């Protein structure tokens, strides 16, 4: 749709997703609202050293690594 090479468009989408500006599911992309971007960034900072983390909008618990 953009008229650019697919690889260039994919790299751009990956970068936007990594920066937390868009969400992607399969072939569908959606721009996040300013509120969602700010909330996600704040949660990421707050949960940096926490046993819980957020991944793709889902709050998860970090698994303890067992020393063997």
PDB file of N, CA and C in Angstrom:
ATOM      1  N   UNK A   1       0.817  -1.197   0.000  1.00  0.00           N
ATOM      2  CA  UNK A   1       0.000   0.000   0.000  1.00  0.00           C
ATOM      3  C   UNK A   1       0.863   1.264   0.000  1.00  0.00           C
ATOM      4  N   UNK A   2       2.051   1.205   0.598  1.00  0.00           N
ATOM      5  CA  UNK A   2       2.875   2.404   0.719  1.00  0.00           C
ATOM      6  C   UNK A   2       3.700   2.683  -0.526  1.00  0.00           C
ATOM      7  N   UNK A   3       3.842   1.698  -1.377  1.00  0.00           N
ATOM      8  CA  UNK A   3       4.652   1.869  -2.572  1.00  0.00           C
ATOM      9  C   UNK A   3       6.134   1.657  -2.321  1.00  0.00           C
ATOM     10  N   UNK A   4       6.498   1.170  -1.139  1.00  0.00           N
ATOM     11  CA  UNK A   4       7.898   0.874  -0.837  1.00  0.00           C
ATOM     12  C   UNK A   4       8.093  -0.633  -0.826  1.00  0.00           C
ATOM     13  N   UNK A   5       9.352  -1.031  -0.794  1.00  0.00           N
ATOM     14  CA  UNK A   5       9.641  -2.460  -0.725  1.00  0.00           C
ATOM     15  C   UNK A   5       9.078  -3.035   0.572  1.00  0.00           C
ATOM     16  N   UNK A   6       8.626  -4.267   0.501  1.00  0.00           N
ATOM     17  CA  UNK A   6       8.022  -4.903   1.673  1.00  0.00           C
ATOM     18  C   UNK A   6       8.989  -4.971   2.847  1.00  0.00           C
ATOM     19  N   UNK A   7      10.263  -5.249   2.576  1.00  0.00           N
ATOM     20  CA  UNK A   7      11.247  -5.356   3.664  1.00  0.00           C
ATOM     21  C   UNK A   7      11.431  -4.017   4.378  1.00  0.00           C
ATOM     22  N   UNK A   8      11.408  -2.922   3.641  1.00  0.00           N
ATOM     23  CA  UNK A   8      11.561  -1.590   4.245  1.00  0.00           C
ATOM     24  C   UNK A   8      10.336  -1.262   5.092  1.00  0.00           C
ATOM     25  N   UNK A   9       9.159  -1.551   4.570  1.00  0.00           N
ATOM     26  CA  UNK A   9       7.928  -1.304   5.327  1.00  0.00           C
ATOM     27  C   UNK A   9       7.892  -2.154   6.590  1.00  0.00           C
ATOM     28  N   UNK A  10       8.312  -3.405   6.512  1.00  0.00           N
ATOM     29  CA  UNK A  10       8.323  -4.307   7.671  1.00  0.00           C
ATOM     30  C   UNK A  10       9.287  -3.798   8.738  1.00  0.00           C
ATOM     31  N   UNK A  11      10.468  -3.336   8.322  1.00  0.00           N
ATOM     32  CA  UNK A  11      11.437  -2.781   9.275  1.00  0.00           C
ATOM     33  C   UNK A  11      10.855  -1.565   9.986  1.00  0.00           C
ATOM     34  N   UNK A  12      10.167  -0.713   9.253  1.00  0.00           N
ATOM     35  CA  UNK A  12       9.553   0.475   9.840  1.00  0.00           C
ATOM     36  C   UNK A  12       8.477   0.090  10.847  1.00  0.00           C
ATOM     37  N   UNK A  13       7.647  -0.898  10.502  1.00  0.00           N
ATOM     38  CA  UNK A  13       6.604  -1.344  11.413  1.00  0.00           C
ATOM     39  C   UNK A  13       7.193  -1.962  12.675  1.00  0.00           C
ATOM     40  N   UNK A  14       8.250  -2.741  12.519  1.00  0.00           N
ATOM     41  CA  UNK A  14       8.911  -3.338  13.680  1.00  0.00           C
ATOM     42  C   UNK A  14       9.465  -2.253  14.600  1.00  0.00           C
ATOM     43  N   UNK A  15      10.059  -1.225  14.018  1.00  0.00           N
ATOM     44  CA  UNK A  15      10.600  -0.117  14.800  1.00  0.00           C
ATOM     45  C   UNK A  15       9.487   0.626  15.538  1.00  0.00           C
ATOM     46  N   UNK A  16       8.391   0.916  14.868  1.00  0.00           N
ATOM     47  CA  UNK A  16       7.258   1.590  15.509  1.00  0.00           C
ATOM     48  C   UNK A  16       6.684   0.759  16.648  1.00  0.00           C
ATOM     49  N   UNK A  17       6.621  -0.556  16.456  1.00  0.00           N
ATOM     50  CA  UNK A  17       6.117  -1.438  17.509  1.00  0.00           C
ATOM     51  C   UNK A  17       7.096  -1.471  18.684  1.00  0.00           C
ATOM     52  N   UNK A  18       8.389  -1.559  18.399  1.00  0.00           N
ATOM     53  CA  UNK A  18       9.403  -1.585  19.456  1.00  0.00           C
ATOM     54  C   UNK A  18       9.371  -0.294  20.276  1.00  0.00           C
ATOM     55  N   UNK A  19       9.117   0.830  19.634  1.00  0.00           N
ATOM     56  CA  UNK A  19       9.023   2.113  20.335  1.00  0.00           C
ATOM     57  C   UNK A  19       7.678   2.286  21.036  1.00  0.00           C
ATOM     58  N   UNK A  20       6.775   1.335  20.841  1.00  0.00           N
ATOM     59  CA  UNK A  20       5.490   1.372  21.532  1.00  0.00           C
ATOM     60  C   UNK A  20       4.478   2.330  20.929  1.00  0.00           C
ATOM     61  N   UNK A  21       4.643   2.658  19.657  1.00  0.00           N
ATOM     62  CA  UNK A  21       3.738   3.604  19.011  1.00  0.00           C
ATOM     63  C   UNK A  21       2.583   2.937  18.278  1.00  0.00           C
ATOM     64  N   UNK A  22       2.759   1.660  17.939  1.00  0.00           N
ATOM     65  CA  UNK A  22       1.689   0.911  17.266  1.00  0.00           C
ATOM     66  C   UNK A  22       1.546  -0.453  17.925  1.00  0.00           C
ATOM     67  N   UNK A  23       0.406  -1.088  17.679  1.00  0.00           N
ATOM     68  CA  UNK A  23       0.232  -2.488  18.072  1.00  0.00           C
ATOM     69  C   UNK A  23      -0.010  -3.273  16.794  1.00  0.00           C
ATOM     70  N   UNK A  24       0.448  -4.514  16.792  1.00  0.00           N
ATOM     71  CA  UNK A  24       0.303  -5.360  15.602  1.00  0.00           C
ATOM     72  C   UNK A  24      -0.228  -6.723  16.001  1.00  0.00           C
ATOM     73  N   UNK A  25      -1.105  -7.236  15.184  1.00  0.00           N
ATOM     74  CA  UNK A  25      -1.604  -8.594  15.349  1.00  0.00           C
ATOM     75  C   UNK A  25      -1.803  -9.141  13.949  1.00  0.00           C
ATOM     76  N   UNK A  26      -0.996 -10.130  13.612  1.00  0.00           N
ATOM     77  CA  UNK A  26      -0.991 -10.703  12.268  1.00  0.00           C
ATOM     78  C   UNK A  26      -0.728  -9.595  11.253  1.00  0.00           C
ATOM     79  N   UNK A  27      -1.620  -9.369  10.332  1.00  0.00           N
ATOM     80  CA  UNK A  27      -1.433  -8.358   9.292  1.00  0.00           C
ATOM     81  C   UNK A  27      -2.059  -7.013   9.648  1.00  0.00           C
ATOM     82  N   UNK A  28      -2.628  -6.895  10.850  1.00  0.00           N
ATOM     83  CA  UNK A  28      -3.325  -5.673  11.244  1.00  0.00           C
ATOM     84  C   UNK A  28      -2.438  -4.826  12.146  1.00  0.00           C
ATOM     85  N   UNK A  29      -2.337  -3.539  11.831  1.00  0.00           N
ATOM     86  CA  UNK A  29      -1.586  -2.573  12.637  1.00  0.00           C
ATOM     87  C   UNK A  29      -2.539  -1.489  13.102  1.00  0.00           C
ATOM     88  N   UNK A  30      -2.328  -1.000  14.309  1.00  0.00           N
ATOM     89  CA  UNK A  30      -3.159   0.084  14.838  1.00  0.00           C
ATOM     90  C   UNK A  30      -2.278   1.063  15.596  1.00  0.00           C
ATOM     91  N   UNK A  31      -2.518   2.335  15.379  1.00  0.00           N
ATOM     92  CA  UNK A  31      -1.787   3.380  16.089  1.00  0.00           C
ATOM     93  C   UNK A  31      -2.328   3.456  17.508  1.00  0.00           C
ATOM     94  N   UNK A  32      -1.413   3.521  18.495  1.00  0.00           N
ATOM     95  CA  UNK A  32      -1.832   3.641  19.893  1.00  0.00           C
ATOM     96  C   UNK A  32      -2.176   5.093  20.195  1.00  0.00           C
ATOM     97  N   UNK A  33      -3.068   5.283  21.137  1.00  0.00           N
ATOM     98  CA  UNK A  33      -3.416   6.633  21.566  1.00  0.00           C
ATOM     99  C   UNK A  33      -2.283   7.198  22.420  1.00  0.00           C
ATOM    100  N   UNK A  34      -2.243   8.518  22.548  1.00  0.00           N
ATOM    101  CA  UNK A  34      -1.235   9.160  23.388  1.00  0.00           C
ATOM    102  C   UNK A  34      -1.325   8.619  24.817  1.00  0.00           C
ATOM    103  N   UNK A  35      -2.537   8.445  25.328  1.00  0.00           N
ATOM    104  CA  UNK A  35      -2.715   7.934  26.684  1.00  0.00           C
ATOM    105  C   UNK A  35      -2.124   6.533  26.828  1.00  0.00           C
ATOM    106  N   UNK A  36      -2.356   5.684  25.833  1.00  0.00           N
ATOM    107  CA  UNK A  36      -1.843   4.317  25.885  1.00  0.00           C
ATOM    108  C   UNK A  36      -0.318   4.308  25.802  1.00  0.00           C
ATOM    109  N   UNK A  37       0.259   5.165  24.959  1.00  0.00           N
ATOM    110  CA  UNK A  37       1.713   5.251  24.831  1.00  0.00           C
ATOM    111  C   UNK A  37       2.324   5.684  26.161  1.00  0.00           C
ATOM    112  N   UNK A  38       1.764   6.728  26.776  1.00  0.00           N
ATOM    113  CA  UNK A  38       2.296   7.233  28.041  1.00  0.00           C
ATOM    114  C   UNK A  38       2.128   6.226  29.168  1.00  0.00           C
ATOM    115  N   UNK A  39       0.960   5.575  29.239  1.00  0.00           N
ATOM    116  CA  UNK A  39       0.715   4.593  30.281  1.00  0.00           C
ATOM    117  C   UNK A  39       1.677   3.413  30.148  1.00  0.00           C
ATOM    118  N   UNK A  40       1.877   2.936  28.946  1.00  0.00           N
ATOM    119  CA  UNK A  40       2.779   1.810  28.722  1.00  0.00           C
ATOM    120  C   UNK A  40       4.208   2.177  29.108  1.00  0.00           C
ATOM    121  N   UNK A  41       4.648   3.380  28.727  1.00  0.00           N
ATOM    122  CA  UNK A  41       5.999   3.823  29.081  1.00  0.00           C
ATOM    123  C   UNK A  41       6.165   3.936  30.592  1.00  0.00           C
ATOM    124  N   UNK A  42       5.177   4.474  31.264  1.00  0.00           N
ATOM    125  CA  UNK A  42       5.241   4.623  32.720  1.00  0.00           C
ATOM    126  C   UNK A  42       5.254   3.256  33.409  1.00  0.00           C
ATOM    127  N   UNK A  43       4.431   2.331  32.947  1.00  0.00           N
ATOM    128  CA  UNK A  43       4.425   0.983  33.522  1.00  0.00           C
ATOM    129  C   UNK A  43       5.758   0.286  33.299  1.00  0.00           C
ATOM    130  N   UNK A  44       6.332   0.477  32.123  1.00  0.00           N
ATOM    131  CA  UNK A  44       7.615  -0.145  31.811  1.00  0.00           C
ATOM    132  C   UNK A  44       8.697   0.348  32.776  1.00  0.00           C
ATOM    133  N   UNK A  45       8.701   1.651  33.044  1.00  0.00           N
ATOM    134  CA  UNK A  45       9.668   2.222  33.999  1.00  0.00           C
ATOM    135  C   UNK A  45       9.402   1.713  35.411  1.00  0.00           C
ATOM    136  N   UNK A  46       8.157   1.686  35.808  1.00  0.00           N
ATOM    137  CA  UNK A  46       7.796   1.278  37.170  1.00  0.00           C
ATOM    138  C   UNK A  46       8.085  -0.198  37.416  1.00  0.00           C
ATOM    139  N   UNK A  47       7.976  -1.024  36.400  1.00  0.00           N
ATOM    140  CA  UNK A  47       8.133  -2.465  36.559  1.00  0.00           C
ATOM    141  C   UNK A  47       9.519  -2.950  36.151  1.00  0.00           C
ATOM    142  N   UNK A  48      10.466  -2.021  35.978  1.00  0.00           N
ATOM    143  CA  UNK A  48      11.811  -2.378  35.521  1.00  0.00           C
ATOM    144  C   UNK A  48      12.470  -3.439  36.399  1.00  0.00           C
ATOM    145  N   UNK A  49      12.441  -3.250  37.708  1.00  0.00           N
ATOM    146  CA  UNK A  49      13.071  -4.202  38.636  1.00  0.00           C
ATOM    147  C   UNK A  49      12.046  -5.059  39.374  1.00  0.00           C
ATOM    148  N   UNK A  50      10.845  -5.087  38.859  1.00  0.00           N
ATOM    149  CA  UNK A  50       9.746  -5.801  39.511  1.00  0.00           C
ATOM    150  C   UNK A  50       9.691  -7.258  39.047  1.00  0.00           C
ATOM    151  N   UNK A  51       9.110  -8.137  39.865  1.00  0.00           N
ATOM    152  CA  UNK A  51       8.941  -9.531  39.436  1.00  0.00           C
ATOM    153  C   UNK A  51       7.834  -9.688  38.387  1.00  0.00           C
ATOM    154  N   UNK A  52       7.110  -8.606  38.107  1.00  0.00           N
ATOM    155  CA  UNK A  52       6.090  -8.659  37.062  1.00  0.00           C
ATOM    156  C   UNK A  52       6.519  -7.761  35.907  1.00  0.00           C
ATOM    157  N   UNK A  53       6.022  -8.061  34.711  1.00  0.00           N
ATOM    158  CA  UNK A  53       6.343  -7.267  33.539  1.00  0.00           C
ATOM    159  C   UNK A  53       5.167  -7.292  32.576  1.00  0.00           C
ATOM    160  N   UNK A  54       5.208  -6.409  31.624  1.00  0.00           N
ATOM    161  CA  UNK A  54       4.125  -6.305  30.656  1.00  0.00           C
ATOM    162  C   UNK A  54       4.654  -6.680  29.276  1.00  0.00           C
ATOM    163  N   UNK A  55       3.947  -7.573  28.609  1.00  0.00           N
ATOM    164  CA  UNK A  55       4.341  -8.012  27.274  1.00  0.00           C
ATOM    165  C   UNK A  55       3.110  -8.050  26.389  1.00  0.00           C
ATOM    166  N   UNK A  56       3.117  -7.250  25.334  1.00  0.00           N
ATOM    167  CA  UNK A  56       1.994  -7.166  24.405  1.00  0.00           C
ATOM    168  C   UNK A  56       0.679  -6.875  25.122  1.00  0.00           C
ATOM    169  N   UNK A  57       0.739  -5.997  26.108  1.00  0.00           N
ATOM    170  CA  UNK A  57      -0.464  -5.599  26.825  1.00  0.00           C
ATOM    171  C   UNK A  57      -0.908  -6.570  27.902  1.00  0.00           C
ATOM    172  N   UNK A  58      -0.133  -7.633  28.130  1.00  0.00           N
ATOM    173  CA  UNK A  58      -0.475  -8.645  29.137  1.00  0.00           C
ATOM    174  C   UNK A  58       0.529  -8.555  30.275  1.00  0.00           C
ATOM    175  N   UNK A  59       0.047  -8.492  31.514  1.00  0.00           N
ATOM    176  CA  UNK A  59       0.928  -8.461  32.681  1.00  0.00           C
ATOM    177  C   UNK A  59       1.285  -9.897  33.042  1.00  0.00           C
ATOM    178  N   UNK A  60       2.614 -10.152  33.126  1.00  0.00           N
ATOM    179  CA  UNK A  60       3.107 -11.502  33.392  1.00  0.00           C
ATOM    180  C   UNK A  60       4.052 -11.483  34.580  1.00  0.00           C
ATOM    181  N   UNK A  61       4.306 -12.663  35.163  1.00  0.00           N
ATOM    182  CA  UNK A  61       5.227 -12.808  36.287  1.00  0.00           C
ATOM    183  C   UNK A  61       6.515 -13.424  35.764  1.00  0.00           C
ATOM    184  N   UNK A  62       7.640 -12.819  36.159  1.00  0.00           N
ATOM    185  CA  UNK A  62       8.939 -13.359  35.738  1.00  0.00           C
ATOM    186  C   UNK A  62       9.179 -14.692  36.425  1.00  0.00           C
ATOM    187  N   UNK A  63       9.658 -15.642  35.674  1.00  0.00           N
ATOM    188  CA  UNK A  63       9.972 -16.954  36.224  1.00  0.00           C
ATOM    189  C   UNK A  63      11.383 -16.919  36.796  1.00  0.00           C
ATOM    190  N   UNK A  64      11.546 -17.420  37.995  1.00  0.00           N
ATOM    191  CA  UNK A  64      12.870 -17.495  38.617  1.00  0.00           C
ATOM    192  C   UNK A  64      13.694 -18.539  37.892  1.00  0.00           C
ATOM    193  N   UNK A  65      14.935 -18.191  37.584  1.00  0.00           N
ATOM    194  CA  UNK A  65      15.835 -19.148  36.936  1.00  0.00           C
ATOM    195  C   UNK A  65      16.452 -20.022  38.003  1.00  0.00           C
ATOM    196  N   UNK A  66      16.423 -21.330  37.767  1.00  0.00           N
ATOM    197  CA  UNK A  66      17.008 -22.278  38.717  1.00  0.00           C
ATOM    198  C   UNK A  66      18.448 -22.517  38.346  1.00  0.00           C
ATOM    199  N   UNK A  67      19.342 -22.464  39.339  1.00  0.00           N
ATOM    200  CA  UNK A  67      20.763 -22.772  39.108  1.00  0.00           C
ATOM    201  C   UNK A  67      20.921 -24.277  39.155  1.00  0.00           C
ATOM    202  N   UNK A  68      21.589 -24.813  38.145  1.00  0.00           N
ATOM    203  CA  UNK A  68      21.800 -26.262  38.097  1.00  0.00           C
ATOM    204  C   UNK A  68      23.254 -26.577  38.151  1.00  0.00           C
TER     205      UNK A  68
END
